[in-house]
Amino acid sequence: MVKHIVMWNLTDKDKVAENGAIMKQKLEALVGVVPGLLRAEVGVGFNGYDVALYTELEDRGAGRIRGPSGPLQGQGLRAQRHLRTRVL
């Protein structure tokens, strides 16, 4: 099992709560859809970051959802990723 953590600060500070809620709904809905994604939890306003994602994956190859077909594409969300780590 791999545990994966990503933290972001959103660019549009006037819409952090609204956009954070969109990210939370979209990302948590991927459990059962993305092969190998066992668990996903999103926190909004977490420890100095606007959004934090915690996932548990079956293995290192699981959970590949980047690119133009990613769940947040076309949502008008802009963020800067600050921390990303995987724990095996």
C-alpha atoms as a PDB file:
ATOM      1  CA  MET A   1       0.000   0.000   0.000  1.00  0.00           C
ATOM      2  CA  VAL A   2       1.116   3.535  -0.814  1.00  0.00           C
ATOM      3  CA  LYS A   3      -0.058   6.635   1.032  1.00  0.00           C
ATOM      4  CA  HIS A   4       0.035   9.826  -1.021  1.00  0.00           C
ATOM      5  CA  ILE A   5      -0.368  13.389   0.274  1.00  0.00           C
ATOM      6  CA  VAL A   6      -0.721  16.549  -1.833  1.00  0.00           C
ATOM      7  CA  MET A   7      -1.304  20.091  -0.518  1.00  0.00           C
ATOM      8  CA  TRP A   8      -2.284  23.160  -2.542  1.00  0.00           C
ATOM      9  CA  ASN A   9      -2.862  26.868  -2.122  1.00  0.00           C
ATOM     10  CA  LEU A  10      -5.533  28.155  -4.480  1.00  0.00           C
ATOM     11  CA  THR A  11      -4.835  31.187  -6.641  1.00  0.00           C
ATOM     12  CA  ASP A  12      -8.291  32.799  -6.336  1.00  0.00           C
ATOM     13  CA  LYS A  13      -8.315  33.704  -2.636  1.00  0.00           C
ATOM     14  CA  ASP A  14     -11.867  35.090  -2.879  1.00  0.00           C
ATOM     15  CA  LYS A  15     -13.216  31.634  -3.731  1.00  0.00           C
ATOM     16  CA  VAL A  16     -11.164  29.299  -1.536  1.00  0.00           C
ATOM     17  CA  ALA A  17     -14.181  27.795   0.246  1.00  0.00           C
ATOM     18  CA  GLU A  18     -16.190  27.382  -2.982  1.00  0.00           C
ATOM     19  CA  ASN A  19     -13.326  25.972  -5.066  1.00  0.00           C
ATOM     20  CA  GLY A  20     -12.083  23.831  -2.188  1.00  0.00           C
ATOM     21  CA  ALA A  21     -15.552  22.266  -1.940  1.00  0.00           C
ATOM     22  CA  ILE A  22     -15.487  21.524  -5.693  1.00  0.00           C
ATOM     23  CA  MET A  23     -12.078  19.871  -5.367  1.00  0.00           C
ATOM     24  CA  LYS A  24     -13.237  17.855  -2.360  1.00  0.00           C
ATOM     25  CA  GLN A  25     -16.340  16.550  -4.139  1.00  0.00           C
ATOM     26  CA  LYS A  26     -14.511  15.700  -7.396  1.00  0.00           C
ATOM     27  CA  LEU A  27     -11.491  14.038  -5.783  1.00  0.00           C
ATOM     28  CA  GLU A  28     -13.354  11.999  -3.165  1.00  0.00           C
ATOM     29  CA  ALA A  29     -15.748  10.736  -5.874  1.00  0.00           C
ATOM     30  CA  LEU A  30     -12.836   8.984  -7.602  1.00  0.00           C
ATOM     31  CA  VAL A  31     -12.739   6.130  -5.065  1.00  0.00           C
ATOM     32  CA  GLY A  32     -14.123   3.090  -6.882  1.00  0.00           C
ATOM     33  CA  VAL A  33     -13.637   4.790 -10.255  1.00  0.00           C
ATOM     34  CA  VAL A  34      -9.832   5.024 -10.493  1.00  0.00           C
ATOM     35  CA  PRO A  35      -8.239   1.573 -10.429  1.00  0.00           C
ATOM     36  CA  GLY A  36      -6.165   1.043  -7.297  1.00  0.00           C
ATOM     37  CA  LEU A  37      -7.476   4.085  -5.414  1.00  0.00           C
ATOM     38  CA  LEU A  38      -8.623   2.661  -2.091  1.00  0.00           C
ATOM     39  CA  ARG A  39      -9.300   5.835  -0.102  1.00  0.00           C
ATOM     40  CA  ALA A  40      -9.355   9.599  -0.672  1.00  0.00           C
ATOM     41  CA  GLU A  41      -9.878  12.334   1.899  1.00  0.00           C
ATOM     42  CA  VAL A  42      -9.797  16.056   1.169  1.00  0.00           C
ATOM     43  CA  GLY A  43      -9.510  18.776   3.784  1.00  0.00           C
ATOM     44  CA  VAL A  44     -10.180  22.446   3.051  1.00  0.00           C
ATOM     45  CA  GLY A  45      -8.272  24.994   5.138  1.00  0.00           C
ATOM     46  CA  PHE A  46      -5.764  22.468   6.459  1.00  0.00           C
ATOM     47  CA  ASN A  47      -2.670  23.520   8.420  1.00  0.00           C
ATOM     48  CA  GLY A  48      -1.858  26.625   6.375  1.00  0.00           C
ATOM     49  CA  TYR A  49      -2.871  25.132   3.007  1.00  0.00           C
ATOM     50  CA  ASP A  50      -6.124  25.770   1.184  1.00  0.00           C
ATOM     51  CA  VAL A  51      -6.664  22.127   0.174  1.00  0.00           C
ATOM     52  CA  ALA A  52      -5.023  18.874   1.294  1.00  0.00           C
ATOM     53  CA  LEU A  53      -5.524  15.453  -0.341  1.00  0.00           C
ATOM     54  CA  TYR A  54      -4.706  12.177   1.414  1.00  0.00           C
ATOM     55  CA  THR A  55      -5.005   8.953  -0.589  1.00  0.00           C
ATOM     56  CA  GLU A  56      -4.292   5.282  -0.081  1.00  0.00           C
ATOM     57  CA  LEU A  57      -3.333   3.357  -3.205  1.00  0.00           C
ATOM     58  CA  GLU A  58      -2.880  -0.363  -3.833  1.00  0.00           C
ATOM     59  CA  ASP A  59       0.649   0.145  -5.222  1.00  0.00           C
ATOM     60  CA  ARG A  60       2.946   2.731  -6.828  1.00  0.00           C
ATOM     61  CA  GLY A  61       1.311   2.371 -10.250  1.00  0.00           C
ATOM     62  CA  ALA A  62      -2.237   2.981  -9.031  1.00  0.00           C
ATOM     63  CA  GLY A  63      -4.166   6.223  -9.180  1.00  0.00           C
ATOM     64  CA  ARG A  64      -2.758   7.703 -12.397  1.00  0.00           C
ATOM     65  CA  ILE A  65      -5.305  10.384 -13.327  1.00  0.00           C
ATOM     66  CA  ARG A  66      -3.192  13.304 -14.500  1.00  0.00           C
ATOM     67  CA  GLY A  67      -3.446  15.040 -17.840  1.00  0.00           C
ATOM     68  CA  PRO A  68      -6.294  16.540 -19.838  1.00  0.00           C
ATOM     69  CA  SER A  69      -8.775  13.912 -18.631  1.00  0.00           C
ATOM     70  CA  GLY A  70      -8.102  14.573 -14.933  1.00  0.00           C
ATOM     71  CA  PRO A  71     -11.075  15.189 -12.629  1.00  0.00           C
ATOM     72  CA  LEU A  72     -10.343  18.876 -12.098  1.00  0.00           C
ATOM     73  CA  GLN A  73      -9.716  19.818 -15.742  1.00  0.00           C
ATOM     74  CA  GLY A  74     -12.152  22.374 -17.112  1.00  0.00           C
ATOM     75  CA  GLN A  75     -13.302  23.473 -13.648  1.00  0.00           C
ATOM     76  CA  GLY A  76     -11.582  26.870 -13.801  1.00  0.00           C
ATOM     77  CA  LEU A  77      -9.555  26.055 -10.681  1.00  0.00           C
ATOM     78  CA  ARG A  78      -6.044  27.435 -10.370  1.00  0.00           C
ATOM     79  CA  ALA A  79      -3.717  26.249  -7.654  1.00  0.00           C
ATOM     80  CA  GLN A  80      -0.072  25.957  -6.812  1.00  0.00           C
ATOM     81  CA  ARG A  81       0.999  22.612  -5.401  1.00  0.00           C
ATOM     82  CA  HIS A  82       3.259  23.077  -2.396  1.00  0.00           C
ATOM     83  CA  LEU A  83       3.819  19.600  -1.025  1.00  0.00           C
ATOM     84  CA  ARG A  84       3.638  16.159  -2.502  1.00  0.00           C
ATOM     85  CA  THR A  85       4.883  13.008  -0.866  1.00  0.00           C
ATOM     86  CA  ARG A  86       4.430   9.261  -1.033  1.00  0.00           C
ATOM     87  CA  VAL A  87       4.942   6.862   1.813  1.00  0.00           C
ATOM     88  CA  LEU A  88       5.452   3.199   0.970  1.00  0.00           C
END
